[in-house]
Amino acid sequence: MKYAVIEASGSQFIVEEGKPITLDNIDKKEGDKVEFEQILLTVDGDKVTIGTPHVAGLTVVGEVVKHFKGEKVRVVNFRAKARYRKARGFRHQHTEVMIKSIKGVK
Protein backbone atom coordinates (compact mmCIF):
# COMPACT_ATOMS: atom_id res chain seq x y z
CA MET A 1 0.00 0.00 0.00
CA LYS A 2 1.43 3.35 -1.06
CA TYR A 3 0.33 6.56 0.63
CA ALA A 4 1.65 9.89 1.85
CA VAL A 5 0.85 12.52 4.46
CA ILE A 6 0.76 16.05 2.97
CA GLU A 7 0.30 19.49 4.39
CA ALA A 8 -2.23 21.62 2.50
CA SER A 9 -4.64 24.43 3.44
CA GLY A 10 -3.20 24.51 6.96
CA SER A 11 -4.10 20.87 7.64
CA GLN A 12 -2.54 17.45 7.21
CA PHE A 13 -4.11 14.84 4.93
CA ILE A 14 -3.42 11.15 4.27
CA VAL A 15 -3.54 10.73 0.49
CA GLU A 16 -3.57 7.67 -1.75
CA GLU A 17 -3.49 7.48 -5.52
CA GLY A 18 -6.98 7.45 -7.02
CA LYS A 19 -8.76 8.77 -3.93
CA PRO A 20 -10.24 12.28 -3.47
CA ILE A 21 -9.54 14.74 -0.66
CA THR A 22 -11.55 17.81 0.36
CA LEU A 23 -9.57 21.01 0.92
CA ASP A 24 -10.40 24.61 1.67
CA ASN A 25 -11.11 26.58 -1.49
CA ILE A 26 -8.05 26.91 -3.77
CA ASP A 27 -7.70 29.25 -6.75
CA LYS A 28 -7.71 26.67 -9.54
CA LYS A 29 -10.32 25.84 -12.15
CA GLU A 30 -11.95 22.44 -12.49
CA GLY A 31 -9.62 20.13 -14.41
CA ASP A 32 -6.43 22.02 -13.44
CA LYS A 33 -3.49 20.15 -11.96
CA VAL A 34 -2.40 20.82 -8.38
CA GLU A 35 1.03 19.90 -7.00
CA PHE A 36 1.65 19.49 -3.29
CA GLU A 37 5.31 19.74 -2.33
CA GLN A 38 5.03 19.73 1.46
CA ILE A 39 5.20 15.99 2.02
CA LEU A 40 5.59 15.00 5.68
CA LEU A 41 5.72 11.21 5.37
CA THR A 42 5.56 8.51 2.70
CA VAL A 43 4.87 4.80 3.02
CA ASP A 44 5.51 2.31 0.22
CA GLY A 45 4.99 -1.21 1.50
CA ASP A 46 7.56 -1.70 4.27
CA LYS A 47 9.59 1.41 3.37
CA VAL A 48 8.71 4.46 5.48
CA THR A 49 10.26 7.90 4.86
CA ILE A 50 9.78 10.60 7.49
CA GLY A 51 10.62 14.23 6.71
CA THR A 52 12.38 16.72 8.96
CA PRO A 53 9.97 18.55 8.56
CA HIS A 54 9.44 17.78 4.84
CA VAL A 55 10.67 14.98 2.59
CA ALA A 56 12.84 16.47 -0.17
CA GLY A 57 12.29 15.59 -3.82
CA LEU A 58 8.71 14.34 -3.57
CA THR A 59 5.52 15.76 -5.02
CA VAL A 60 1.90 14.68 -4.95
CA VAL A 61 -0.02 15.52 -8.11
CA GLY A 62 -3.79 15.95 -8.10
CA GLU A 63 -6.55 17.31 -10.29
CA VAL A 64 -9.35 19.66 -9.22
CA VAL A 65 -12.64 17.80 -9.55
CA LYS A 66 -15.15 20.37 -8.29
CA HIS A 67 -15.79 23.38 -6.07
CA PHE A 68 -18.70 23.23 -3.63
CA LYS A 69 -20.16 24.77 -0.49
CA GLY A 70 -20.14 22.99 2.85
CA GLU A 71 -22.89 22.66 5.42
CA LYS A 72 -24.49 25.85 6.69
CA VAL A 73 -23.17 27.12 10.02
CA ARG A 74 -25.70 29.14 12.03
CA VAL A 75 -24.36 31.99 14.17
CA VAL A 76 -26.80 33.45 16.71
CA ASN A 77 -26.15 36.50 18.89
CA PHE A 78 -28.38 36.89 21.91
CA ARG A 79 -28.47 39.23 24.87
CA ALA A 80 -30.63 38.25 27.81
CA LYS A 81 -33.32 40.67 29.01
CA ALA A 82 -32.59 43.14 26.20
CA ARG A 83 -34.81 41.76 23.39
CA TYR A 84 -31.78 41.47 21.15
CA ARG A 85 -31.46 38.53 18.75
CA LYS A 86 -29.53 38.33 15.53
CA ALA A 87 -29.05 35.21 13.40
CA ARG A 88 -26.65 34.78 10.51
CA GLY A 89 -25.57 31.88 8.35
CA PHE A 90 -22.30 30.93 6.70
CA ARG A 91 -21.32 28.26 4.15
CA HIS A 92 -17.64 27.47 3.74
CA GLN A 93 -16.18 27.03 0.22
CA HIS A 94 -14.44 23.68 -0.43
CA THR A 95 -12.50 22.11 -3.30
CA GLU A 96 -12.39 18.39 -4.06
CA VAL A 97 -9.05 17.17 -5.45
CA MET A 98 -8.51 13.71 -6.97
CA ILE A 99 -4.99 12.43 -6.23
CA LYS A 100 -3.38 11.21 -9.47
CA SER A 101 0.14 10.21 -8.42
CA ILE A 102 2.77 10.30 -5.70
CA LYS A 103 6.01 11.11 -7.54
CA GLY A 104 9.42 10.29 -6.19
CA VAL A 105 8.55 7.32 -3.97
CA LYS A 106 11.08 4.62 -4.79
PDB file of N, CA and C in Angstrom:
ATOM      1  N   MET A   1       0.851  -1.177   0.000  1.00  0.00           N
ATOM      2  CA  MET A   1       0.000   0.000   0.000  1.00  0.00           C
ATOM      3  C   MET A   1       0.889   1.229   0.000  1.00  0.00           C
ATOM      4  N   LYS A   2       0.615   2.150  -0.900  1.00  0.00           N
ATOM      5  CA  LYS A   2       1.425   3.347  -1.063  1.00  0.00           C
ATOM      6  C   LYS A   2       0.575   4.572  -0.716  1.00  0.00           C
ATOM      7  N   TYR A   3       1.036   5.336   0.276  1.00  0.00           N
ATOM      8  CA  TYR A   3       0.328   6.561   0.631  1.00  0.00           C
ATOM      9  C   TYR A   3       1.309   7.574   1.177  1.00  0.00           C
ATOM     10  N   ALA A   4       0.820   8.806   1.347  1.00  0.00           N
ATOM     11  CA  ALA A   4       1.651   9.895   1.845  1.00  0.00           C
ATOM     12  C   ALA A   4       0.813  10.784   2.759  1.00  0.00           C
ATOM     13  N   VAL A   5       1.494  11.511   3.622  1.00  0.00           N
ATOM     14  CA  VAL A   5       0.854  12.525   4.456  1.00  0.00           C
ATOM     15  C   VAL A   5       1.343  13.873   3.953  1.00  0.00           C
ATOM     16  N   ILE A   6       0.398  14.728   3.517  1.00  0.00           N
ATOM     17  CA  ILE A   6       0.761  16.045   2.975  1.00  0.00           C
ATOM     18  C   ILE A   6       0.209  17.139   3.873  1.00  0.00           C
ATOM     19  N   GLU A   7       0.783  18.313   3.694  1.00  0.00           N
ATOM     20  CA  GLU A   7       0.296  19.495   4.389  1.00  0.00           C
ATOM     21  C   GLU A   7      -0.276  20.438   3.341  1.00  0.00           C
ATOM     22  N   ALA A   8      -1.568  20.749   3.460  1.00  0.00           N
ATOM     23  CA  ALA A   8      -2.235  21.620   2.497  1.00  0.00           C
ATOM     24  C   ALA A   8      -3.367  22.355   3.202  1.00  0.00           C
ATOM     25  N   SER A   9      -3.562  23.603   2.873  1.00  0.00           N
ATOM     26  CA  SER A   9      -4.637  24.427   3.445  1.00  0.00           C
ATOM     27  C   SER A   9      -4.567  24.489   4.962  1.00  0.00           C
ATOM     28  N   GLY A  10      -3.358  24.410   5.524  1.00  0.00           N
ATOM     29  CA  GLY A  10      -3.198  24.507   6.961  1.00  0.00           C
ATOM     30  C   GLY A  10      -3.544  23.246   7.717  1.00  0.00           C
ATOM     31  N   SER A  11      -3.762  22.135   7.009  1.00  0.00           N
ATOM     32  CA  SER A  11      -4.102  20.866   7.640  1.00  0.00           C
ATOM     33  C   SER A  11      -3.246  19.752   7.055  1.00  0.00           C
ATOM     34  N   GLN A  12      -3.266  18.611   7.704  1.00  0.00           N
ATOM     35  CA  GLN A  12      -2.543  17.446   7.213  1.00  0.00           C
ATOM     36  C   GLN A  12      -3.545  16.414   6.709  1.00  0.00           C
ATOM     37  N   PHE A  13      -3.214  15.793   5.563  1.00  0.00           N
ATOM     38  CA  PHE A  13      -4.106  14.836   4.935  1.00  0.00           C
ATOM     39  C   PHE A  13      -3.334  13.576   4.576  1.00  0.00           C
ATOM     40  N   ILE A  14      -3.962  12.416   4.761  1.00  0.00           N
ATOM     41  CA  ILE A  14      -3.424  11.153   4.273  1.00  0.00           C
ATOM     42  C   ILE A  14      -3.988  10.961   2.876  1.00  0.00           C
ATOM     43  N   VAL A  15      -3.093  10.839   1.876  1.00  0.00           N
ATOM     44  CA  VAL A  15      -3.539  10.735   0.492  1.00  0.00           C
ATOM     45  C   VAL A  15      -3.058   9.423  -0.121  1.00  0.00           C
ATOM     46  N   GLU A  16      -3.899   8.855  -0.966  1.00  0.00           N
ATOM     47  CA  GLU A  16      -3.569   7.671  -1.746  1.00  0.00           C
ATOM     48  C   GLU A  16      -3.905   7.959  -3.195  1.00  0.00           C
ATOM     49  N   GLU A  17      -3.218   7.287  -4.101  1.00  0.00           N
ATOM     50  CA  GLU A  17      -3.486   7.477  -5.516  1.00  0.00           C
ATOM     51  C   GLU A  17      -4.900   6.993  -5.837  1.00  0.00           C
ATOM     52  N   GLY A  18      -5.624   7.823  -6.606  1.00  0.00           N
ATOM     53  CA  GLY A  18      -6.976   7.452  -7.024  1.00  0.00           C
ATOM     54  C   GLY A  18      -8.070   7.779  -6.041  1.00  0.00           C
ATOM     55  N   LYS A  19      -7.743   8.420  -4.917  1.00  0.00           N
ATOM     56  CA  LYS A  19      -8.763   8.769  -3.935  1.00  0.00           C
ATOM     57  C   LYS A  19      -8.862  10.287  -3.804  1.00  0.00           C
ATOM     58  N   PRO A  20     -10.080  10.819  -3.585  1.00  0.00           N
ATOM     59  CA  PRO A  20     -10.244  12.275  -3.471  1.00  0.00           C
ATOM     60  C   PRO A  20      -9.999  12.768  -2.046  1.00  0.00           C
ATOM     61  N   ILE A  21      -9.624  14.056  -1.954  1.00  0.00           N
ATOM     62  CA  ILE A  21      -9.544  14.741  -0.661  1.00  0.00           C
ATOM     63  C   ILE A  21     -10.302  16.053  -0.787  1.00  0.00           C
ATOM     64  N   THR A  22     -10.809  16.545   0.331  1.00  0.00           N
ATOM     65  CA  THR A  22     -11.547  17.809   0.357  1.00  0.00           C
ATOM     66  C   THR A  22     -10.712  18.847   1.080  1.00  0.00           C
ATOM     67  N   LEU A  23     -10.392  19.939   0.377  1.00  0.00           N
ATOM     68  CA  LEU A  23      -9.569  21.014   0.920  1.00  0.00           C
ATOM     69  C   LEU A  23     -10.389  22.278   1.045  1.00  0.00           C
ATOM     70  N   ASP A  24      -9.824  23.281   1.735  1.00  0.00           N
ATOM     71  CA  ASP A  24     -10.396  24.610   1.668  1.00  0.00           C
ATOM     72  C   ASP A  24     -10.287  25.087   0.231  1.00  0.00           C
ATOM     73  N   ASN A  25     -11.065  26.084  -0.113  1.00  0.00           N
ATOM     74  CA  ASN A  25     -11.111  26.576  -1.495  1.00  0.00           C
ATOM     75  C   ASN A  25      -9.722  27.000  -1.980  1.00  0.00           C
ATOM     76  N   ILE A  26      -9.313  26.502  -3.153  1.00  0.00           N
ATOM     77  CA  ILE A  26      -8.049  26.909  -3.771  1.00  0.00           C
ATOM     78  C   ILE A  26      -8.355  27.568  -5.106  1.00  0.00           C
ATOM     79  N   ASP A  27      -7.475  28.456  -5.541  1.00  0.00           N
ATOM     80  CA  ASP A  27      -7.702  29.251  -6.749  1.00  0.00           C
ATOM     81  C   ASP A  27      -7.263  28.511  -8.001  1.00  0.00           C
ATOM     82  N   LYS A  28      -7.930  27.428  -8.316  1.00  0.00           N
ATOM     83  CA  LYS A  28      -7.706  26.668  -9.544  1.00  0.00           C
ATOM     84  C   LYS A  28      -9.064  26.355 -10.151  1.00  0.00           C
ATOM     85  N   LYS A  29      -9.090  26.197 -11.473  1.00  0.00           N
ATOM     86  CA  LYS A  29     -10.325  25.839 -12.146  1.00  0.00           C
ATOM     87  C   LYS A  29     -10.482  24.320 -12.157  1.00  0.00           C
ATOM     88  N   GLU A  30     -11.692  23.866 -12.410  1.00  0.00           N
ATOM     89  CA  GLU A  30     -11.948  22.435 -12.495  1.00  0.00           C
ATOM     90  C   GLU A  30     -11.153  21.847 -13.655  1.00  0.00           C
ATOM     91  N   GLY A  31     -10.463  20.762 -13.392  1.00  0.00           N
ATOM     92  CA  GLY A  31      -9.625  20.130 -14.406  1.00  0.00           C
ATOM     93  C   GLY A  31      -8.168  20.537 -14.343  1.00  0.00           C
ATOM     94  N   ASP A  32      -7.826  21.588 -13.580  1.00  0.00           N
ATOM     95  CA  ASP A  32      -6.433  22.022 -13.445  1.00  0.00           C
ATOM     96  C   ASP A  32      -5.662  21.066 -12.548  1.00  0.00           C
ATOM     97  N   LYS A  33      -4.356  20.973 -12.801  1.00  0.00           N
ATOM     98  CA  LYS A  33      -3.494  20.146 -11.957  1.00  0.00           C
ATOM     99  C   LYS A  33      -3.037  20.939 -10.742  1.00  0.00           C
ATOM    100  N   VAL A  34      -2.873  20.229  -9.631  1.00  0.00           N
ATOM    101  CA  VAL A  34      -2.399  20.815  -8.383  1.00  0.00           C
ATOM    102  C   VAL A  34      -1.231  19.966  -7.907  1.00  0.00           C
ATOM    103  N   GLU A  35      -0.123  20.620  -7.530  1.00  0.00           N
ATOM    104  CA  GLU A  35       1.027  19.896  -6.996  1.00  0.00           C
ATOM    105  C   GLU A  35       1.233  20.282  -5.540  1.00  0.00           C
ATOM    106  N   PHE A  36       1.378  19.277  -4.708  1.00  0.00           N
ATOM    107  CA  PHE A  36       1.648  19.486  -3.288  1.00  0.00           C
ATOM    108  C   PHE A  36       3.091  19.075  -3.050  1.00  0.00           C
ATOM    109  N   GLU A  37       3.896  19.995  -2.535  1.00  0.00           N
ATOM    110  CA  GLU A  37       5.315  19.737  -2.329  1.00  0.00           C
ATOM    111  C   GLU A  37       5.685  19.599  -0.858  1.00  0.00           C
ATOM    112  N   GLN A  38       4.756  19.869   0.032  1.00  0.00           N
ATOM    113  CA  GLN A  38       5.028  19.734   1.458  1.00  0.00           C
ATOM    114  C   GLN A  38       4.589  18.344   1.920  1.00  0.00           C
ATOM    115  N   ILE A  39       5.462  17.372   1.677  1.00  0.00           N
ATOM    116  CA  ILE A  39       5.202  15.987   2.024  1.00  0.00           C
ATOM    117  C   ILE A  39       5.855  15.713   3.378  1.00  0.00           C
ATOM    118  N   LEU A  40       5.077  15.243   4.332  1.00  0.00           N
ATOM    119  CA  LEU A  40       5.591  14.999   5.679  1.00  0.00           C
ATOM    120  C   LEU A  40       6.052  13.560   5.876  1.00  0.00           C
ATOM    121  N   LEU A  41       5.424  12.617   5.171  1.00  0.00           N
ATOM    122  CA  LEU A  41       5.721  11.207   5.371  1.00  0.00           C
ATOM    123  C   LEU A  41       5.257  10.435   4.149  1.00  0.00           C
ATOM    124  N   THR A  42       6.003   9.409   3.765  1.00  0.00           N
ATOM    125  CA  THR A  42       5.558   8.509   2.704  1.00  0.00           C
ATOM    126  C   THR A  42       5.724   7.067   3.169  1.00  0.00           C
ATOM    127  N   VAL A  43       4.816   6.221   2.713  1.00  0.00           N
ATOM    128  CA  VAL A  43       4.871   4.800   3.017  1.00  0.00           C
ATOM    129  C   VAL A  43       4.669   4.055   1.706  1.00  0.00           C
ATOM    130  N   ASP A  44       5.605   3.151   1.402  1.00  0.00           N
ATOM    131  CA  ASP A  44       5.505   2.306   0.217  1.00  0.00           C
ATOM    132  C   ASP A  44       5.824   0.876   0.642  1.00  0.00           C
ATOM    133  N   GLY A  45       4.786   0.141   0.982  1.00  0.00           N
ATOM    134  CA  GLY A  45       4.986  -1.214   1.503  1.00  0.00           C
ATOM    135  C   GLY A  45       5.622  -1.160   2.884  1.00  0.00           C
ATOM    136  N   ASP A  46       6.847  -1.709   2.999  1.00  0.00           N
ATOM    137  CA  ASP A  46       7.564  -1.696   4.271  1.00  0.00           C
ATOM    138  C   ASP A  46       8.485  -0.492   4.409  1.00  0.00           C
ATOM    139  N   LYS A  47       8.673   0.272   3.334  1.00  0.00           N
ATOM    140  CA  LYS A  47       9.592   1.409   3.367  1.00  0.00           C
ATOM    141  C   LYS A  47       8.852   2.668   3.812  1.00  0.00           C
ATOM    142  N   VAL A  48       9.309   3.245   4.925  1.00  0.00           N
ATOM    143  CA  VAL A  48       8.707   4.463   5.479  1.00  0.00           C
ATOM    144  C   VAL A  48       9.753   5.564   5.456  1.00  0.00           C
ATOM    145  N   THR A  49       9.373   6.740   4.897  1.00  0.00           N
ATOM    146  CA  THR A  49      10.260   7.898   4.862  1.00  0.00           C
ATOM    147  C   THR A  49       9.603   9.027   5.640  1.00  0.00           C
ATOM    148  N   ILE A  50      10.304   9.523   6.652  1.00  0.00           N
ATOM    149  CA  ILE A  50       9.779  10.597   7.489  1.00  0.00           C
ATOM    150  C   ILE A  50      10.601  11.847   7.225  1.00  0.00           C
ATOM    151  N   GLY A  51       9.930  12.969   6.988  1.00  0.00           N
ATOM    152  CA  GLY A  51      10.619  14.228   6.712  1.00  0.00           C
ATOM    153  C   GLY A  51      10.989  14.962   7.979  1.00  0.00           C
ATOM    154  N   THR A  52      11.951  15.895   7.828  1.00  0.00           N
ATOM    155  CA  THR A  52      12.385  16.717   8.964  1.00  0.00           C
ATOM    156  C   THR A  52      12.414  18.184   8.562  1.00  0.00           C
ATOM    157  N   PRO A  53      11.379  18.930   8.428  1.00  0.00           N
ATOM    158  CA  PRO A  53       9.974  18.549   8.561  1.00  0.00           C
ATOM    159  C   PRO A  53       9.363  18.004   7.273  1.00  0.00           C
ATOM    160  N   HIS A  54       9.998  18.248   6.100  1.00  0.00           N
ATOM    161  CA  HIS A  54       9.439  17.777   4.840  1.00  0.00           C
ATOM    162  C   HIS A  54      10.404  16.806   4.169  1.00  0.00           C
ATOM    163  N   VAL A  55       9.860  15.909   3.361  1.00  0.00           N
ATOM    164  CA  VAL A  55      10.668  14.979   2.585  1.00  0.00           C
ATOM    165  C   VAL A  55      11.062  15.682   1.292  1.00  0.00           C
ATOM    166  N   ALA A  56      12.361  15.762   1.015  1.00  0.00           N
ATOM    167  CA  ALA A  56      12.836  16.473  -0.172  1.00  0.00           C
ATOM    168  C   ALA A  56      12.657  15.615  -1.414  1.00  0.00           C
ATOM    169  N   GLY A  57      12.350  16.265  -2.533  1.00  0.00           N
ATOM    170  CA  GLY A  57      12.293  15.594  -3.825  1.00  0.00           C
ATOM    171  C   GLY A  57      10.996  14.868  -4.132  1.00  0.00           C
ATOM    172  N   LEU A  58       9.977  15.011  -3.321  1.00  0.00           N
ATOM    173  CA  LEU A  58       8.710  14.339  -3.566  1.00  0.00           C
ATOM    174  C   LEU A  58       7.621  15.341  -3.880  1.00  0.00           C
ATOM    175  N   THR A  59       6.704  14.952  -4.732  1.00  0.00           N
ATOM    176  CA  THR A  59       5.518  15.763  -5.018  1.00  0.00           C
ATOM    177  C   THR A  59       4.315  14.847  -5.138  1.00  0.00           C
ATOM    178  N   VAL A  60       3.173  15.371  -4.764  1.00  0.00           N
ATOM    179  CA  VAL A  60       1.903  14.682  -4.953  1.00  0.00           C
ATOM    180  C   VAL A  60       1.122  15.497  -5.962  1.00  0.00           C
ATOM    181  N   VAL A  61       0.688  14.843  -7.033  1.00  0.00           N
ATOM    182  CA  VAL A  61      -0.022  15.524  -8.112  1.00  0.00           C
ATOM    183  C   VAL A  61      -1.497  15.151  -8.044  1.00  0.00           C
ATOM    184  N   GLY A  62      -2.345  16.172  -8.123  1.00  0.00           N
ATOM    185  CA  GLY A  62      -3.785  15.951  -8.105  1.00  0.00           C
ATOM    186  C   GLY A  62      -4.466  16.793  -9.165  1.00  0.00           C
ATOM    187  N   GLU A  63      -5.757  16.571  -9.317  1.00  0.00           N
ATOM    188  CA  GLU A  63      -6.554  17.313 -10.286  1.00  0.00           C
ATOM    189  C   GLU A  63      -7.814  17.803  -9.592  1.00  0.00           C
ATOM    190  N   VAL A  64      -8.160  19.075  -9.821  1.00  0.00           N
ATOM    191  CA  VAL A  64      -9.348  19.660  -9.215  1.00  0.00           C
ATOM    192  C   VAL A  64     -10.579  19.039  -9.866  1.00  0.00           C
ATOM    193  N   VAL A  65     -11.434  18.439  -9.045  1.00  0.00           N
ATOM    194  CA  VAL A  65     -12.644  17.798  -9.550  1.00  0.00           C
ATOM    195  C   VAL A  65     -13.805  18.784  -9.536  1.00  0.00           C
ATOM    196  N   LYS A  66     -14.023  19.434  -8.387  1.00  0.00           N
ATOM    197  CA  LYS A  66     -15.149  20.368  -8.288  1.00  0.00           C
ATOM    198  C   LYS A  66     -14.953  21.313  -7.116  1.00  0.00           C
ATOM    199  N   HIS A  67     -15.690  22.419  -7.166  1.00  0.00           N
ATOM    200  CA  HIS A  67     -15.791  23.376  -6.066  1.00  0.00           C
ATOM    201  C   HIS A  67     -17.219  23.263  -5.525  1.00  0.00           C
ATOM    202  N   PHE A  68     -17.365  23.314  -4.199  1.00  0.00           N
ATOM    203  CA  PHE A  68     -18.704  23.226  -3.630  1.00  0.00           C
ATOM    204  C   PHE A  68     -18.740  23.923  -2.281  1.00  0.00           C
ATOM    205  N   LYS A  69     -19.953  24.147  -1.801  1.00  0.00           N
ATOM    206  CA  LYS A  69     -20.158  24.771  -0.495  1.00  0.00           C
ATOM    207  C   LYS A  69     -20.421  23.693   0.546  1.00  0.00           C
ATOM    208  N   GLY A  70     -19.935  23.928   1.759  1.00  0.00           N
ATOM    209  CA  GLY A  70     -20.135  22.990   2.854  1.00  0.00           C
ATOM    210  C   GLY A  70     -21.485  23.197   3.524  1.00  0.00           C
ATOM    211  N   GLU A  71     -21.659  22.536   4.639  1.00  0.00           N
ATOM    212  CA  GLU A  71     -22.888  22.663   5.421  1.00  0.00           C
ATOM    213  C   GLU A  71     -23.026  24.080   5.970  1.00  0.00           C
ATOM    214  N   LYS A  72     -24.252  24.520   6.147  1.00  0.00           N
ATOM    215  CA  LYS A  72     -24.489  25.850   6.691  1.00  0.00           C
ATOM    216  C   LYS A  72     -24.198  25.879   8.183  1.00  0.00           C
ATOM    217  N   VAL A  73     -23.475  26.900   8.615  1.00  0.00           N
ATOM    218  CA  VAL A  73     -23.173  27.117  10.023  1.00  0.00           C
ATOM    219  C   VAL A  73     -24.030  28.291  10.486  1.00  0.00           C
ATOM    220  N   ARG A  74     -24.832  28.082  11.501  1.00  0.00           N
ATOM    221  CA  ARG A  74     -25.700  29.138  12.028  1.00  0.00           C
ATOM    222  C   ARG A  74     -24.989  29.845  13.177  1.00  0.00           C
ATOM    223  N   VAL A  75     -24.955  31.174  13.116  1.00  0.00           N
ATOM    224  CA  VAL A  75     -24.358  31.991  14.171  1.00  0.00           C
ATOM    225  C   VAL A  75     -25.480  32.845  14.753  1.00  0.00           C
ATOM    226  N   VAL A  76     -25.710  32.725  16.061  1.00  0.00           N
ATOM    227  CA  VAL A  76     -26.799  33.450  16.708  1.00  0.00           C
ATOM    228  C   VAL A  76     -26.225  34.298  17.831  1.00  0.00           C
ATOM    229  N   ASN A  77     -26.510  35.596  17.806  1.00  0.00           N
ATOM    230  CA  ASN A  77     -26.145  36.503  18.893  1.00  0.00           C
ATOM    231  C   ASN A  77     -27.397  36.775  19.712  1.00  0.00           C
ATOM    232  N   PHE A  78     -27.245  36.763  21.022  1.00  0.00           N
ATOM    233  CA  PHE A  78     -28.382  36.888  21.911  1.00  0.00           C
ATOM    234  C   PHE A  78     -27.939  37.598  23.182  1.00  0.00           C
ATOM    235  N   ARG A  79     -28.730  38.565  23.595  1.00  0.00           N
ATOM    236  CA  ARG A  79     -28.467  39.228  24.874  1.00  0.00           C
ATOM    237  C   ARG A  79     -29.701  39.075  25.750  1.00  0.00           C
ATOM    238  N   ALA A  80     -29.515  38.513  26.911  1.00  0.00           N
ATOM    239  CA  ALA A  80     -30.632  38.252  27.806  1.00  0.00           C
ATOM    240  C   ALA A  80     -31.243  39.548  28.318  1.00  0.00           C
ATOM    241  N   LYS A  81     -32.543  39.565  28.431  1.00  0.00           N
ATOM    242  CA  LYS A  81     -33.317  40.672  29.007  1.00  0.00           C
ATOM    243  C   LYS A  81     -33.196  41.968  28.224  1.00  0.00           C
ATOM    244  N   ALA A  82     -32.730  41.918  26.977  1.00  0.00           N
ATOM    245  CA  ALA A  82     -32.594  43.144  26.196  1.00  0.00           C
ATOM    246  C   ALA A  82     -33.366  43.075  24.874  1.00  0.00           C
ATOM    247  N   ARG A  83     -34.068  41.973  24.631  1.00  0.00           N
ATOM    248  CA  ARG A  83     -34.815  41.756  23.392  1.00  0.00           C
ATOM    249  C   ARG A  83     -33.938  41.899  22.156  1.00  0.00           C
ATOM    250  N   TYR A  84     -32.729  41.390  22.257  1.00  0.00           N
ATOM    251  CA  TYR A  84     -31.779  41.473  21.149  1.00  0.00           C
ATOM    252  C   TYR A  84     -31.462  40.062  20.654  1.00  0.00           C
ATOM    253  N   ARG A  85     -31.781  39.805  19.395  1.00  0.00           N
ATOM    254  CA  ARG A  85     -31.462  38.527  18.753  1.00  0.00           C
ATOM    255  C   ARG A  85     -31.042  38.809  17.319  1.00  0.00           C
ATOM    256  N   LYS A  86     -29.971  38.181  16.903  1.00  0.00           N
ATOM    257  CA  LYS A  86     -29.526  38.327  15.528  1.00  0.00           C
ATOM    258  C   LYS A  86     -28.992  36.975  15.065  1.00  0.00           C
ATOM    259  N   ALA A  87     -29.476  36.500  13.931  1.00  0.00           N
ATOM    260  CA  ALA A  87     -29.045  35.206  13.400  1.00  0.00           C
ATOM    261  C   ALA A  87     -28.423  35.409  12.023  1.00  0.00           C
ATOM    262  N   ARG A  88     -27.328  34.727  11.806  1.00  0.00           N
ATOM    263  CA  ARG A  88     -26.651  34.779  10.509  1.00  0.00           C
ATOM    264  C   ARG A  88     -26.263  33.362  10.119  1.00  0.00           C
ATOM    265  N   GLY A  89     -26.015  33.179   8.831  1.00  0.00           N
ATOM    266  CA  GLY A  89     -25.570  31.877   8.354  1.00  0.00           C
ATOM    267  C   GLY A  89     -24.296  32.022   7.556  1.00  0.00           C
ATOM    268  N   PHE A  90     -23.575  30.914   7.417  1.00  0.00           N
ATOM    269  CA  PHE A  90     -22.304  30.929   6.699  1.00  0.00           C
ATOM    270  C   PHE A  90     -22.092  29.555   6.085  1.00  0.00           C
ATOM    271  N   ARG A  91     -21.659  29.513   4.816  1.00  0.00           N
ATOM    272  CA  ARG A  91     -21.323  28.256   4.155  1.00  0.00           C
ATOM    273  C   ARG A  91     -19.898  28.359   3.627  1.00  0.00           C
ATOM    274  N   HIS A  92     -19.049  27.456   4.094  1.00  0.00           N
ATOM    275  CA  HIS A  92     -17.637  27.472   3.737  1.00  0.00           C
ATOM    276  C   HIS A  92     -17.435  26.907   2.335  1.00  0.00           C
ATOM    277  N   GLN A  93     -16.504  27.492   1.562  1.00  0.00           N
ATOM    278  CA  GLN A  93     -16.182  27.029   0.218  1.00  0.00           C
ATOM    279  C   GLN A  93     -15.136  25.912   0.296  1.00  0.00           C
ATOM    280  N   HIS A  94     -15.357  24.812  -0.412  1.00  0.00           N
ATOM    281  CA  HIS A  94     -14.444  23.680  -0.434  1.00  0.00           C
ATOM    282  C   HIS A  94     -14.051  23.348  -1.864  1.00  0.00           C
ATOM    283  N   THR A  95     -12.950  22.617  -2.010  1.00  0.00           N
ATOM    284  CA  THR A  95     -12.498  22.107  -3.300  1.00  0.00           C
ATOM    285  C   THR A  95     -12.185  20.631  -3.142  1.00  0.00           C
ATOM    286  N   GLU A  96     -12.691  19.822  -4.072  1.00  0.00           N
ATOM    287  CA  GLU A  96     -12.392  18.394  -4.065  1.00  0.00           C
ATOM    288  C   GLU A  96     -11.284  18.131  -5.072  1.00  0.00           C
ATOM    289  N   VAL A  97     -10.217  17.463  -4.612  1.00  0.00           N
ATOM    290  CA  VAL A  97      -9.053  17.174  -5.453  1.00  0.00           C
ATOM    291  C   VAL A  97      -8.874  15.657  -5.522  1.00  0.00           C
ATOM    292  N   MET A  98      -8.780  15.136  -6.758  1.00  0.00           N
ATOM    293  CA  MET A  98      -8.515  13.712  -6.969  1.00  0.00           C
ATOM    294  C   MET A  98      -6.988  13.529  -7.077  1.00  0.00           C
ATOM    295  N   ILE A  99      -6.428  12.673  -6.239  1.00  0.00           N
ATOM    296  CA  ILE A  99      -4.985  12.432  -6.231  1.00  0.00           C
ATOM    297  C   ILE A  99      -4.638  11.512  -7.397  1.00  0.00           C
ATOM    298  N   LYS A 100      -3.767  11.984  -8.284  1.00  0.00           N
ATOM    299  CA  LYS A 100      -3.376  11.208  -9.467  1.00  0.00           C
ATOM    300  C   LYS A 100      -2.130  10.365  -9.215  1.00  0.00           C
ATOM    301  N   SER A 101      -1.083  10.972  -8.624  1.00  0.00           N
ATOM    302  CA  SER A 101       0.141  10.205  -8.418  1.00  0.00           C
ATOM    303  C   SER A 101       0.957  10.780  -7.271  1.00  0.00           C
ATOM    304  N   ILE A 102       1.785   9.919  -6.699  1.00  0.00           N
ATOM    305  CA  ILE A 102       2.766  10.301  -5.697  1.00  0.00           C
ATOM    306  C   ILE A 102       4.119  10.100  -6.360  1.00  0.00           C
ATOM    307  N   LYS A 103       4.764  11.194  -6.773  1.00  0.00           N
ATOM    308  CA  LYS A 103       6.009  11.105  -7.539  1.00  0.00           C
ATOM    309  C   LYS A 103       7.206  11.132  -6.616  1.00  0.00           C
ATOM    310  N   GLY A 104       8.174  10.288  -6.926  1.00  0.00           N
ATOM    311  CA  GLY A 104       9.424  10.293  -6.187  1.00  0.00           C
ATOM    312  C   GLY A 104       9.545   9.174  -5.180  1.00  0.00           C
ATOM    313  N   VAL A 105       8.468   8.434  -4.901  1.00  0.00           N
ATOM    314  CA  VAL A 105       8.546   7.318  -3.967  1.00  0.00           C
ATOM    315  C   VAL A 105       9.223   6.164  -4.699  1.00  0.00           C
ATOM    316  N   LYS A 106      10.320   5.674  -4.133  1.00  0.00           N
ATOM    317  CA  LYS A 106      11.082   4.620  -4.793  1.00  0.00           C
ATOM    318  C   LYS A 106      10.870   3.290  -4.096  1.00  0.00           C
TER     319      LYS A 106
END
